[in-house]
Amino acid sequence: MNKNILLTSHEINHSSQSKLIKDVVSLGILTIAVIALAFSPILTKLSEIELSPTATIFNRLWIATMITGCWQLTKTPAKFKQIPLSKSSFDVTLGLLILASLCATASAVLWAISLTQTSVASSTVLRSLTPLFISLGAWLILKQSFNRQFILGMILATIGGMTIGWDDLQLGTAHLLGDGIALFSAALHGANILIIGYLRDRDCTTNRVLLWRCACGTLMVLPVVCLTDTQILPISWSSWLIVIALAVICQTWGQGLLVYSLKQFSASFVGIFALLKPLITALLAWIIFAEAISVTSAIALVLISIGIYWAKSSESLIPEPAN
């Protein structure tokens, strides 16, 4: 009997260690995703020396579509035949993939527009409200519940995210339009993460989500860039390298790992964790452009880190079994 107890205790310890290793690896992957995405503002700023924001988004998406499309072609067709899929289920999945792409693309375009109508600080503050939109959607649409610890962690991390741009925040009616666009962009970004999280919970592959996101986004931005830009493609080799880096590092690698992480964590937690992105961007700007890092950035880092820890240790993050 004692031997059985010892074996059970050993199995429990082994299970706990395996879960800890899995959590550390999953958090590591999510961290790499956020670091890759943090390069986006830096590379976009460099790209806009020659291209407009819309043209930059277009080139980023079509190049990423080519990369993910080639990767998809390497998959064995027999692998997909092993998973039976009813027509109604296929239609719902296809519709959600298109909707997620629409939300993500519109969010990116509106974000670029908001920067021309309001300050970067105001856009950053309003963009930090994304986790609130994700959790609100999860509660209203998916009927998910969150305990007090998770809610407190989300609020603390959100305050930390808003602190990043607080020093240069500009309030007033002159920036009302730009602030509204930035807020709508944050809501669409939250909807995109929530939809992708829902699809990942139902075993929609990372590559499939990313391919649809990039392909549909390219088709959506194409008419806009054709009507508003005289120069669509880069001219110099340096600009080509920048947009390729955007497609590979930010869109394919960063977004791909973020989509993958939505299978390991809830959409709400991923939204909270992504608040670290502007802090990493600020660090990169300090290294590359010698831009100063303010005290508020350090305060924001502390608040976001504590919020992430509270949210991660919350029991409400444990996924419920699917019906």
C-alpha atoms as a PDB file:
ATOM      1  CA  MET A   1       0.000   0.000   0.000  1.00  0.00           C
ATOM      2  CA  ASN A   2       2.873   2.365   0.897  1.00  0.00           C
ATOM      3  CA  LYS A   3       4.448   1.537  -2.450  1.00  0.00           C
ATOM      4  CA  ASN A   4       1.244   2.551  -4.243  1.00  0.00           C
ATOM      5  CA  ILE A   5       1.155   5.819  -2.285  1.00  0.00           C
ATOM      6  CA  LEU A   6       4.762   6.556  -3.240  1.00  0.00           C
ATOM      7  CA  LEU A   7       4.020   5.810  -6.886  1.00  0.00           C
ATOM      8  CA  THR A   8       0.978   8.105  -6.826  1.00  0.00           C
ATOM      9  CA  SER A   9       3.018  10.870  -5.177  1.00  0.00           C
ATOM     10  CA  HIS A  10       5.755  10.444  -7.807  1.00  0.00           C
ATOM     11  CA  GLU A  11       3.181  10.637 -10.634  1.00  0.00           C
ATOM     12  CA  ILE A  12       1.697  13.817  -9.136  1.00  0.00           C
ATOM     13  CA  ASN A  13       5.152  15.440  -8.856  1.00  0.00           C
ATOM     14  CA  HIS A  14       6.017  14.397 -12.405  1.00  0.00           C
ATOM     15  CA  SER A  15       2.702  15.804 -13.653  1.00  0.00           C
ATOM     16  CA  SER A  16       3.309  19.084 -11.816  1.00  0.00           C
ATOM     17  CA  GLN A  17       6.799  19.385 -13.269  1.00  0.00           C
ATOM     18  CA  SER A  18       5.544  18.632 -16.771  1.00  0.00           C
ATOM     19  CA  LYS A  19       2.830  21.300 -16.413  1.00  0.00           C
ATOM     20  CA  LEU A  20       5.388  23.827 -15.133  1.00  0.00           C
ATOM     21  CA  ILE A  21       7.728  23.137 -18.063  1.00  0.00           C
ATOM     22  CA  LYS A  22       4.835  23.404 -20.506  1.00  0.00           C
ATOM     23  CA  ASP A  23       3.745  26.750 -18.984  1.00  0.00           C
ATOM     24  CA  VAL A  24       7.299  28.121 -19.130  1.00  0.00           C
ATOM     25  CA  VAL A  25       7.705  27.063 -22.772  1.00  0.00           C
ATOM     26  CA  SER A  26       4.287  28.496 -23.705  1.00  0.00           C
ATOM     27  CA  LEU A  27       5.087  31.802 -21.989  1.00  0.00           C
ATOM     28  CA  GLY A  28       8.451  31.820 -23.751  1.00  0.00           C
ATOM     29  CA  ILE A  29       6.758  31.410 -27.142  1.00  0.00           C
ATOM     30  CA  LEU A  30       4.286  34.193 -26.328  1.00  0.00           C
ATOM     31  CA  THR A  31       7.170  36.431 -25.213  1.00  0.00           C
ATOM     32  CA  ILE A  32       9.011  35.816 -28.509  1.00  0.00           C
ATOM     33  CA  ALA A  33       5.790  36.689 -30.372  1.00  0.00           C
ATOM     34  CA  VAL A  34       5.434  40.000 -28.513  1.00  0.00           C
ATOM     35  CA  ILE A  35       9.133  40.848 -29.063  1.00  0.00           C
ATOM     36  CA  ALA A  36       8.766  40.139 -32.808  1.00  0.00           C
ATOM     37  CA  LEU A  37       5.627  42.301 -32.973  1.00  0.00           C
ATOM     38  CA  ALA A  38       7.424  45.073 -31.078  1.00  0.00           C
ATOM     39  CA  PHE A  39       9.650  45.538 -34.138  1.00  0.00           C
ATOM     40  CA  SER A  40       6.586  46.547 -36.168  1.00  0.00           C
ATOM     41  CA  PRO A  41       6.507  50.284 -35.247  1.00  0.00           C
ATOM     42  CA  ILE A  42      10.286  50.531 -35.732  1.00  0.00           C
ATOM     43  CA  LEU A  43      10.270  48.884 -39.166  1.00  0.00           C
ATOM     44  CA  THR A  44       7.092  50.755 -40.163  1.00  0.00           C
ATOM     45  CA  LYS A  45       8.733  54.061 -39.263  1.00  0.00           C
ATOM     46  CA  LEU A  46      11.715  53.156 -41.463  1.00  0.00           C
ATOM     47  CA  SER A  47       9.433  51.992 -44.286  1.00  0.00           C
ATOM     48  CA  GLU A  48       7.454  55.236 -44.257  1.00  0.00           C
ATOM     49  CA  ILE A  49      10.560  57.130 -45.367  1.00  0.00           C
ATOM     50  CA  GLU A  50       9.688  55.872 -48.873  1.00  0.00           C
ATOM     51  CA  LEU A  51       6.154  54.429 -48.610  1.00  0.00           C
ATOM     52  CA  SER A  52       2.855  55.543 -47.097  1.00  0.00           C
ATOM     53  CA  PRO A  53       1.383  53.668 -44.084  1.00  0.00           C
ATOM     54  CA  THR A  54      -1.223  51.994 -46.320  1.00  0.00           C
ATOM     55  CA  ALA A  55       1.368  50.891 -48.868  1.00  0.00           C
ATOM     56  CA  THR A  56       3.519  49.551 -46.040  1.00  0.00           C
ATOM     57  CA  ILE A  57       0.626  47.451 -44.714  1.00  0.00           C
ATOM     58  CA  PHE A  58      -0.147  46.186 -48.229  1.00  0.00           C
ATOM     59  CA  ASN A  59       3.434  45.054 -48.898  1.00  0.00           C
ATOM     60  CA  ARG A  60       3.677  43.482 -45.462  1.00  0.00           C
ATOM     61  CA  LEU A  61       0.506  41.458 -46.084  1.00  0.00           C
ATOM     62  CA  TRP A  62       1.111  40.265 -49.656  1.00  0.00           C
ATOM     63  CA  ILE A  63       4.661  39.121 -48.906  1.00  0.00           C
ATOM     64  CA  ALA A  64       3.430  37.291 -45.789  1.00  0.00           C
ATOM     65  CA  THR A  65       0.698  35.689 -47.919  1.00  0.00           C
ATOM     66  CA  MET A  66       3.344  34.308 -50.286  1.00  0.00           C
ATOM     67  CA  ILE A  67       5.357  32.918 -47.359  1.00  0.00           C
ATOM     68  CA  THR A  68       2.418  31.255 -45.593  1.00  0.00           C
ATOM     69  CA  GLY A  69       1.003  30.040 -48.913  1.00  0.00           C
ATOM     70  CA  CYS A  70       4.264  28.288 -49.791  1.00  0.00           C
ATOM     71  CA  TRP A  71       4.371  26.774 -46.322  1.00  0.00           C
ATOM     72  CA  GLN A  72       0.791  25.542 -46.731  1.00  0.00           C
ATOM     73  CA  LEU A  73       1.734  23.816 -50.004  1.00  0.00           C
ATOM     74  CA  THR A  74       4.284  21.709 -48.127  1.00  0.00           C
ATOM     75  CA  LYS A  75       1.507  20.110 -46.075  1.00  0.00           C
ATOM     76  CA  THR A  76       0.485  16.574 -47.020  1.00  0.00           C
ATOM     77  CA  PRO A  77      -3.045  16.613 -48.513  1.00  0.00           C
ATOM     78  CA  ALA A  78      -3.831  13.280 -46.826  1.00  0.00           C
ATOM     79  CA  LYS A  79      -3.426  15.000 -43.452  1.00  0.00           C
ATOM     80  CA  PHE A  80      -6.497  17.146 -44.069  1.00  0.00           C
ATOM     81  CA  LYS A  81      -8.602  14.227 -45.277  1.00  0.00           C
ATOM     82  CA  GLN A  82      -8.290  12.605 -41.886  1.00  0.00           C
ATOM     83  CA  ILE A  83     -10.447  15.343 -40.327  1.00  0.00           C
ATOM     84  CA  PRO A  84     -14.080  15.119 -41.477  1.00  0.00           C
ATOM     85  CA  LEU A  85     -15.796  18.490 -41.613  1.00  0.00           C
ATOM     86  CA  SER A  86     -19.479  19.084 -42.233  1.00  0.00           C
ATOM     87  CA  LYS A  87     -20.547  21.795 -44.686  1.00  0.00           C
ATOM     88  CA  SER A  88     -22.212  23.886 -41.962  1.00  0.00           C
ATOM     89  CA  SER A  89     -19.098  23.689 -39.766  1.00  0.00           C
ATOM     90  CA  PHE A  90     -16.914  24.643 -42.732  1.00  0.00           C
ATOM     91  CA  ASP A  91     -19.120  27.631 -43.541  1.00  0.00           C
ATOM     92  CA  VAL A  92     -18.949  28.908 -39.947  1.00  0.00           C
ATOM     93  CA  THR A  93     -15.159  28.510 -39.801  1.00  0.00           C
ATOM     94  CA  LEU A  94     -14.721  30.212 -43.170  1.00  0.00           C
ATOM     95  CA  GLY A  95     -16.984  33.073 -42.124  1.00  0.00           C
ATOM     96  CA  LEU A  96     -15.088  33.582 -38.873  1.00  0.00           C
ATOM     97  CA  LEU A  97     -11.726  33.515 -40.676  1.00  0.00           C
ATOM     98  CA  ILE A  98     -12.928  36.250 -43.049  1.00  0.00           C
ATOM     99  CA  LEU A  99     -14.408  38.256 -40.153  1.00  0.00           C
ATOM    100  CA  ALA A 100     -11.157  38.001 -38.170  1.00  0.00           C
ATOM    101  CA  SER A 101      -9.189  39.169 -41.208  1.00  0.00           C
ATOM    102  CA  LEU A 102     -11.589  42.077 -41.741  1.00  0.00           C
ATOM    103  CA  CYS A 103     -11.241  43.147 -38.092  1.00  0.00           C
ATOM    104  CA  ALA A 104      -7.434  42.862 -38.112  1.00  0.00           C
ATOM    105  CA  THR A 105      -7.000  44.709 -41.409  1.00  0.00           C
ATOM    106  CA  ALA A 106      -9.465  47.477 -40.533  1.00  0.00           C
ATOM    107  CA  SER A 107      -7.791  47.845 -37.132  1.00  0.00           C
ATOM    108  CA  ALA A 108      -4.346  48.261 -38.726  1.00  0.00           C
ATOM    109  CA  VAL A 109      -5.598  50.810 -41.281  1.00  0.00           C
ATOM    110  CA  LEU A 110      -7.567  52.791 -38.680  1.00  0.00           C
ATOM    111  CA  TRP A 111      -4.569  52.749 -36.367  1.00  0.00           C
ATOM    112  CA  ALA A 112      -2.447  54.311 -39.133  1.00  0.00           C
ATOM    113  CA  ILE A 113      -5.156  56.915 -39.803  1.00  0.00           C
ATOM    114  CA  SER A 114      -5.519  57.756 -36.096  1.00  0.00           C
ATOM    115  CA  LEU A 115      -1.827  58.673 -35.926  1.00  0.00           C
ATOM    116  CA  THR A 116      -2.504  61.457 -38.450  1.00  0.00           C
ATOM    117  CA  GLN A 117      -5.447  62.810 -36.445  1.00  0.00           C
ATOM    118  CA  THR A 118      -4.206  62.595 -32.854  1.00  0.00           C
ATOM    119  CA  SER A 119      -0.979  62.175 -30.891  1.00  0.00           C
ATOM    120  CA  VAL A 120       0.952  58.910 -30.684  1.00  0.00           C
ATOM    121  CA  ALA A 121       0.500  59.043 -26.896  1.00  0.00           C
ATOM    122  CA  SER A 122      -3.296  59.288 -27.145  1.00  0.00           C
ATOM    123  CA  SER A 123      -3.392  56.398 -29.619  1.00  0.00           C
ATOM    124  CA  THR A 124      -1.192  54.324 -27.312  1.00  0.00           C
ATOM    125  CA  VAL A 125      -3.410  55.016 -24.304  1.00  0.00           C
ATOM    126  CA  LEU A 126      -6.594  54.095 -26.180  1.00  0.00           C
ATOM    127  CA  ARG A 127      -4.975  51.033 -27.791  1.00  0.00           C
ATOM    128  CA  SER A 128      -4.215  49.790 -24.273  1.00  0.00           C
ATOM    129  CA  LEU A 129      -7.947  49.296 -23.735  1.00  0.00           C
ATOM    130  CA  THR A 130      -7.881  46.247 -26.053  1.00  0.00           C
ATOM    131  CA  PRO A 131      -7.896  43.677 -23.171  1.00  0.00           C
ATOM    132  CA  LEU A 132     -11.096  45.241 -21.833  1.00  0.00           C
ATOM    133  CA  PHE A 133     -12.809  44.785 -25.211  1.00  0.00           C
ATOM    134  CA  ILE A 134     -11.593  41.164 -25.411  1.00  0.00           C
ATOM    135  CA  SER A 135     -12.849  40.287 -21.931  1.00  0.00           C
ATOM    136  CA  LEU A 136     -16.144  42.106 -22.514  1.00  0.00           C
ATOM    137  CA  GLY A 137     -16.686  40.156 -25.729  1.00  0.00           C
ATOM    138  CA  ALA A 138     -15.737  36.870 -24.051  1.00  0.00           C
ATOM    139  CA  TRP A 139     -18.255  37.583 -21.285  1.00  0.00           C
ATOM    140  CA  LEU A 140     -21.107  38.781 -23.516  1.00  0.00           C
ATOM    141  CA  ILE A 141     -20.719  36.448 -26.511  1.00  0.00           C
ATOM    142  CA  LEU A 142     -18.863  33.371 -25.265  1.00  0.00           C
ATOM    143  CA  LYS A 143     -20.411  33.487 -21.756  1.00  0.00           C
ATOM    144  CA  GLN A 144     -16.998  33.201 -20.107  1.00  0.00           C
ATOM    145  CA  SER A 145     -16.623  34.205 -16.473  1.00  0.00           C
ATOM    146  CA  PHE A 146     -13.607  35.760 -14.749  1.00  0.00           C
ATOM    147  CA  ASN A 147     -12.779  35.717 -11.070  1.00  0.00           C
ATOM    148  CA  ARG A 148     -11.788  38.757  -9.038  1.00  0.00           C
ATOM    149  CA  GLN A 149      -8.046  38.111  -9.290  1.00  0.00           C
ATOM    150  CA  PHE A 150      -8.098  37.990 -13.092  1.00  0.00           C
ATOM    151  CA  ILE A 151     -10.206  41.168 -13.302  1.00  0.00           C
ATOM    152  CA  LEU A 152      -7.855  43.025 -10.935  1.00  0.00           C
ATOM    153  CA  GLY A 153      -4.842  41.830 -12.925  1.00  0.00           C
ATOM    154  CA  MET A 154      -6.445  42.972 -16.182  1.00  0.00           C
ATOM    155  CA  ILE A 155      -7.299  46.402 -14.758  1.00  0.00           C
ATOM    156  CA  LEU A 156      -3.794  46.861 -13.320  1.00  0.00           C
ATOM    157  CA  ALA A 157      -2.120  45.823 -16.590  1.00  0.00           C
ATOM    158  CA  THR A 158      -4.448  48.113 -18.560  1.00  0.00           C
ATOM    159  CA  ILE A 159      -3.575  51.053 -16.300  1.00  0.00           C
ATOM    160  CA  GLY A 160       0.072  50.203 -16.880  1.00  0.00           C
ATOM    161  CA  GLY A 161      -0.496  50.207 -20.631  1.00  0.00           C
ATOM    162  CA  MET A 162      -2.214  53.586 -20.446  1.00  0.00           C
ATOM    163  CA  THR A 163       0.658  54.966 -18.355  1.00  0.00           C
ATOM    164  CA  ILE A 164       3.061  54.504 -21.287  1.00  0.00           C
ATOM    165  CA  GLY A 165       1.657  57.465 -23.206  1.00  0.00           C
ATOM    166  CA  TRP A 166       0.373  59.487 -20.247  1.00  0.00           C
ATOM    167  CA  ASP A 167       3.216  62.057 -20.258  1.00  0.00           C
ATOM    168  CA  ASP A 168       2.325  63.307 -23.746  1.00  0.00           C
ATOM    169  CA  LEU A 169      -1.414  62.690 -23.613  1.00  0.00           C
ATOM    170  CA  GLN A 170      -3.410  65.403 -25.356  1.00  0.00           C
ATOM    171  CA  LEU A 171      -7.039  65.860 -24.468  1.00  0.00           C
ATOM    172  CA  GLY A 172      -9.551  68.123 -26.184  1.00  0.00           C
ATOM    173  CA  THR A 173     -12.059  68.392 -28.995  1.00  0.00           C
ATOM    174  CA  ALA A 174      -9.289  68.992 -31.565  1.00  0.00           C
ATOM    175  CA  HIS A 175      -8.230  65.344 -31.258  1.00  0.00           C
ATOM    176  CA  LEU A 176     -11.701  63.906 -30.736  1.00  0.00           C
ATOM    177  CA  LEU A 177     -11.927  62.320 -34.215  1.00  0.00           C
ATOM    178  CA  GLY A 178      -8.492  60.737 -33.999  1.00  0.00           C
ATOM    179  CA  ASP A 179      -9.174  59.456 -30.483  1.00  0.00           C
ATOM    180  CA  GLY A 180     -12.447  57.918 -31.634  1.00  0.00           C
ATOM    181  CA  ILE A 181     -10.720  56.196 -34.556  1.00  0.00           C
ATOM    182  CA  ALA A 182      -7.992  54.860 -32.230  1.00  0.00           C
ATOM    183  CA  LEU A 183     -10.630  53.554 -29.805  1.00  0.00           C
ATOM    184  CA  PHE A 184     -12.503  51.817 -32.643  1.00  0.00           C
ATOM    185  CA  SER A 185      -9.188  50.355 -33.815  1.00  0.00           C
ATOM    186  CA  ALA A 186      -8.599  48.929 -30.325  1.00  0.00           C
ATOM    187  CA  ALA A 187     -12.088  47.377 -30.301  1.00  0.00           C
ATOM    188  CA  LEU A 188     -11.520  45.744 -33.711  1.00  0.00           C
ATOM    189  CA  HIS A 189      -8.122  44.468 -32.588  1.00  0.00           C
ATOM    190  CA  GLY A 190      -9.778  42.905 -29.562  1.00  0.00           C
ATOM    191  CA  ALA A 191     -12.459  41.314 -31.760  1.00  0.00           C
ATOM    192  CA  ASN A 192      -9.739  39.842 -33.996  1.00  0.00           C
ATOM    193  CA  ILE A 193      -7.929  38.202 -31.054  1.00  0.00           C
ATOM    194  CA  LEU A 194     -11.210  36.931 -29.593  1.00  0.00           C
ATOM    195  CA  ILE A 195     -12.322  35.339 -32.890  1.00  0.00           C
ATOM    196  CA  ILE A 196      -8.939  33.716 -33.497  1.00  0.00           C
ATOM    197  CA  GLY A 197      -8.930  32.381 -29.933  1.00  0.00           C
ATOM    198  CA  TYR A 198     -12.356  30.845 -30.580  1.00  0.00           C
ATOM    199  CA  LEU A 199     -11.112  29.243 -33.818  1.00  0.00           C
ATOM    200  CA  ARG A 200      -7.964  27.908 -32.147  1.00  0.00           C
ATOM    201  CA  ASP A 201     -10.071  26.303 -29.408  1.00  0.00           C
ATOM    202  CA  ARG A 202     -11.820  24.416 -32.203  1.00  0.00           C
ATOM    203  CA  ASP A 203      -8.545  23.129 -33.684  1.00  0.00           C
ATOM    204  CA  CYS A 204      -8.178  25.593 -36.551  1.00  0.00           C
ATOM    205  CA  THR A 205      -4.460  25.425 -37.402  1.00  0.00           C
ATOM    206  CA  THR A 206      -2.076  28.344 -36.955  1.00  0.00           C
ATOM    207  CA  ASN A 207      -1.013  28.338 -40.612  1.00  0.00           C
ATOM    208  CA  ARG A 208      -4.610  28.314 -41.857  1.00  0.00           C
ATOM    209  CA  VAL A 209      -5.548  31.284 -39.664  1.00  0.00           C
ATOM    210  CA  LEU A 210      -2.449  33.198 -40.717  1.00  0.00           C
ATOM    211  CA  LEU A 211      -2.907  32.455 -44.438  1.00  0.00           C
ATOM    212  CA  TRP A 212      -6.510  33.674 -44.432  1.00  0.00           C
ATOM    213  CA  ARG A 213      -5.570  36.704 -42.346  1.00  0.00           C
ATOM    214  CA  CYS A 214      -2.840  37.763 -44.779  1.00  0.00           C
ATOM    215  CA  ALA A 215      -4.624  36.843 -48.037  1.00  0.00           C
ATOM    216  CA  CYS A 216      -7.948  38.504 -47.156  1.00  0.00           C
ATOM    217  CA  GLY A 217      -6.110  41.493 -45.713  1.00  0.00           C
ATOM    218  CA  THR A 218      -4.161  41.927 -48.960  1.00  0.00           C
ATOM    219  CA  LEU A 219      -7.383  41.921 -51.008  1.00  0.00           C
ATOM    220  CA  MET A 220      -9.011  44.406 -48.635  1.00  0.00           C
ATOM    221  CA  VAL A 221      -6.115  46.876 -48.654  1.00  0.00           C
ATOM    222  CA  LEU A 222      -5.431  46.592 -52.415  1.00  0.00           C
ATOM    223  CA  PRO A 223      -8.255  48.898 -53.632  1.00  0.00           C
ATOM    224  CA  VAL A 224      -7.456  51.425 -50.893  1.00  0.00           C
ATOM    225  CA  VAL A 225      -3.765  51.592 -51.747  1.00  0.00           C
ATOM    226  CA  CYS A 226      -4.520  51.788 -55.488  1.00  0.00           C
ATOM    227  CA  LEU A 227      -6.837  54.773 -54.978  1.00  0.00           C
ATOM    228  CA  THR A 228      -4.757  56.685 -52.450  1.00  0.00           C
ATOM    229  CA  ASP A 229      -1.117  55.974 -53.324  1.00  0.00           C
ATOM    230  CA  THR A 230       0.941  56.730 -56.406  1.00  0.00           C
ATOM    231  CA  GLN A 231       3.796  54.518 -55.197  1.00  0.00           C
ATOM    232  CA  ILE A 232       2.729  51.060 -54.069  1.00  0.00           C
ATOM    233  CA  LEU A 233       5.938  49.014 -54.189  1.00  0.00           C
ATOM    234  CA  PRO A 234       9.331  49.989 -52.740  1.00  0.00           C
ATOM    235  CA  ILE A 235      11.965  51.409 -55.072  1.00  0.00           C
ATOM    236  CA  SER A 236      15.239  51.007 -53.198  1.00  0.00           C
ATOM    237  CA  TRP A 237      16.770  47.764 -51.955  1.00  0.00           C
ATOM    238  CA  SER A 238      16.769  49.084 -48.395  1.00  0.00           C
ATOM    239  CA  SER A 239      12.997  49.622 -48.497  1.00  0.00           C
ATOM    240  CA  TRP A 240      12.494  46.145 -49.939  1.00  0.00           C
ATOM    241  CA  LEU A 241      14.516  44.665 -47.088  1.00  0.00           C
ATOM    242  CA  ILE A 242      12.445  46.610 -44.552  1.00  0.00           C
ATOM    243  CA  VAL A 243       9.047  45.472 -45.867  1.00  0.00           C
ATOM    244  CA  ILE A 244      10.338  41.899 -46.183  1.00  0.00           C
ATOM    245  CA  ALA A 245      11.486  42.095 -42.555  1.00  0.00           C
ATOM    246  CA  LEU A 246       8.025  43.358 -41.609  1.00  0.00           C
ATOM    247  CA  ALA A 247       6.418  40.412 -43.399  1.00  0.00           C
ATOM    248  CA  VAL A 248       8.795  37.784 -42.011  1.00  0.00           C
ATOM    249  CA  ILE A 249       9.503  38.986 -38.466  1.00  0.00           C
ATOM    250  CA  CYS A 250       6.270  40.764 -37.547  1.00  0.00           C
ATOM    251  CA  GLN A 251       3.519  39.265 -39.704  1.00  0.00           C
ATOM    252  CA  THR A 252       4.648  35.663 -40.250  1.00  0.00           C
ATOM    253  CA  TRP A 253       6.725  34.987 -37.156  1.00  0.00           C
ATOM    254  CA  GLY A 254       5.186  37.374 -34.612  1.00  0.00           C
ATOM    255  CA  GLN A 255       1.548  36.944 -35.614  1.00  0.00           C
ATOM    256  CA  GLY A 256       2.055  33.216 -36.189  1.00  0.00           C
ATOM    257  CA  LEU A 257       3.410  32.636 -32.686  1.00  0.00           C
ATOM    258  CA  LEU A 258       0.660  34.841 -31.255  1.00  0.00           C
ATOM    259  CA  VAL A 259      -1.994  32.747 -33.013  1.00  0.00           C
ATOM    260  CA  TYR A 260      -0.264  29.588 -31.771  1.00  0.00           C
ATOM    261  CA  SER A 261      -0.332  30.953 -28.197  1.00  0.00           C
ATOM    262  CA  LEU A 262      -4.104  31.384 -28.384  1.00  0.00           C
ATOM    263  CA  LYS A 263      -4.323  27.582 -28.184  1.00  0.00           C
ATOM    264  CA  GLN A 264      -2.334  27.631 -24.934  1.00  0.00           C
ATOM    265  CA  PHE A 265      -3.851  30.700 -23.249  1.00  0.00           C
ATOM    266  CA  SER A 266      -7.163  32.501 -23.255  1.00  0.00           C
ATOM    267  CA  ALA A 267      -7.663  35.432 -25.618  1.00  0.00           C
ATOM    268  CA  SER A 268      -8.085  37.735 -22.613  1.00  0.00           C
ATOM    269  CA  PHE A 269      -4.698  36.771 -21.158  1.00  0.00           C
ATOM    270  CA  VAL A 270      -2.948  37.112 -24.538  1.00  0.00           C
ATOM    271  CA  GLY A 271      -4.448  40.603 -24.847  1.00  0.00           C
ATOM    272  CA  ILE A 272      -3.068  41.523 -21.424  1.00  0.00           C
ATOM    273  CA  PHE A 273       0.374  40.069 -22.155  1.00  0.00           C
ATOM    274  CA  ALA A 274       0.540  41.981 -25.451  1.00  0.00           C
ATOM    275  CA  LEU A 275       0.551  45.233 -23.429  1.00  0.00           C
ATOM    276  CA  LEU A 276       4.300  44.622 -23.041  1.00  0.00           C
ATOM    277  CA  LYS A 277       4.755  45.344 -26.754  1.00  0.00           C
ATOM    278  CA  PRO A 278       4.986  49.180 -26.556  1.00  0.00           C
ATOM    279  CA  LEU A 279       7.510  48.866 -23.709  1.00  0.00           C
ATOM    280  CA  ILE A 280       9.710  46.578 -25.810  1.00  0.00           C
ATOM    281  CA  THR A 281       9.265  48.980 -28.743  1.00  0.00           C
ATOM    282  CA  ALA A 282      10.407  51.857 -26.509  1.00  0.00           C
ATOM    283  CA  LEU A 283      13.489  49.849 -25.555  1.00  0.00           C
ATOM    284  CA  LEU A 284      14.231  49.122 -29.221  1.00  0.00           C
ATOM    285  CA  ALA A 285      13.748  52.814 -30.082  1.00  0.00           C
ATOM    286  CA  TRP A 286      16.214  53.676 -27.319  1.00  0.00           C
ATOM    287  CA  ILE A 287      18.769  51.266 -28.797  1.00  0.00           C
ATOM    288  CA  ILE A 288      18.203  52.103 -32.494  1.00  0.00           C
ATOM    289  CA  PHE A 289      17.124  55.775 -32.491  1.00  0.00           C
ATOM    290  CA  ALA A 290      18.585  56.844 -29.104  1.00  0.00           C
ATOM    291  CA  GLU A 291      15.092  57.916 -27.955  1.00  0.00           C
ATOM    292  CA  ALA A 292      14.850  58.590 -24.227  1.00  0.00           C
ATOM    293  CA  ILE A 293      12.988  56.209 -21.910  1.00  0.00           C
ATOM    294  CA  SER A 294      10.827  58.011 -19.339  1.00  0.00           C
ATOM    295  CA  VAL A 295      10.189  57.118 -15.711  1.00  0.00           C
ATOM    296  CA  THR A 296       6.567  56.372 -16.584  1.00  0.00           C
ATOM    297  CA  SER A 297       7.759  53.524 -18.826  1.00  0.00           C
ATOM    298  CA  ALA A 298       9.409  51.896 -15.809  1.00  0.00           C
ATOM    299  CA  ILE A 299       6.225  52.370 -13.773  1.00  0.00           C
ATOM    300  CA  ALA A 300       4.193  50.910 -16.649  1.00  0.00           C
ATOM    301  CA  LEU A 301       6.497  47.876 -16.784  1.00  0.00           C
ATOM    302  CA  VAL A 302       5.958  47.177 -13.073  1.00  0.00           C
ATOM    303  CA  LEU A 303       2.174  47.571 -13.298  1.00  0.00           C
ATOM    304  CA  ILE A 304       1.863  45.408 -16.423  1.00  0.00           C
ATOM    305  CA  SER A 305       4.146  42.712 -14.985  1.00  0.00           C
ATOM    306  CA  ILE A 306       2.126  42.489 -11.762  1.00  0.00           C
ATOM    307  CA  GLY A 307      -1.114  42.454 -13.756  1.00  0.00           C
ATOM    308  CA  ILE A 308       0.168  39.640 -15.984  1.00  0.00           C
ATOM    309  CA  TYR A 309       1.238  37.611 -12.935  1.00  0.00           C
ATOM    310  CA  TRP A 310      -2.161  38.014 -11.282  1.00  0.00           C
ATOM    311  CA  ALA A 311      -3.989  37.128 -14.488  1.00  0.00           C
ATOM    312  CA  LYS A 312      -1.749  34.113 -15.190  1.00  0.00           C
ATOM    313  CA  SER A 313      -2.188  32.661 -11.703  1.00  0.00           C
ATOM    314  CA  SER A 314      -5.953  33.158 -11.866  1.00  0.00           C
ATOM    315  CA  GLU A 315      -8.048  29.982 -11.951  1.00  0.00           C
ATOM    316  CA  SER A 316     -10.393  31.588 -14.466  1.00  0.00           C
ATOM    317  CA  LEU A 317      -7.720  30.999 -17.135  1.00  0.00           C
ATOM    318  CA  ILE A 318      -8.275  27.224 -16.940  1.00  0.00           C
ATOM    319  CA  PRO A 319     -10.229  26.419 -20.137  1.00  0.00           C
ATOM    320  CA  GLU A 320     -13.587  24.759 -19.684  1.00  0.00           C
ATOM    321  CA  PRO A 321     -14.222  21.522 -21.614  1.00  0.00           C
ATOM    322  CA  ALA A 322     -16.064  22.038 -24.904  1.00  0.00           C
ATOM    323  CA  ASN A 323     -19.629  20.918 -25.075  1.00  0.00           C
END
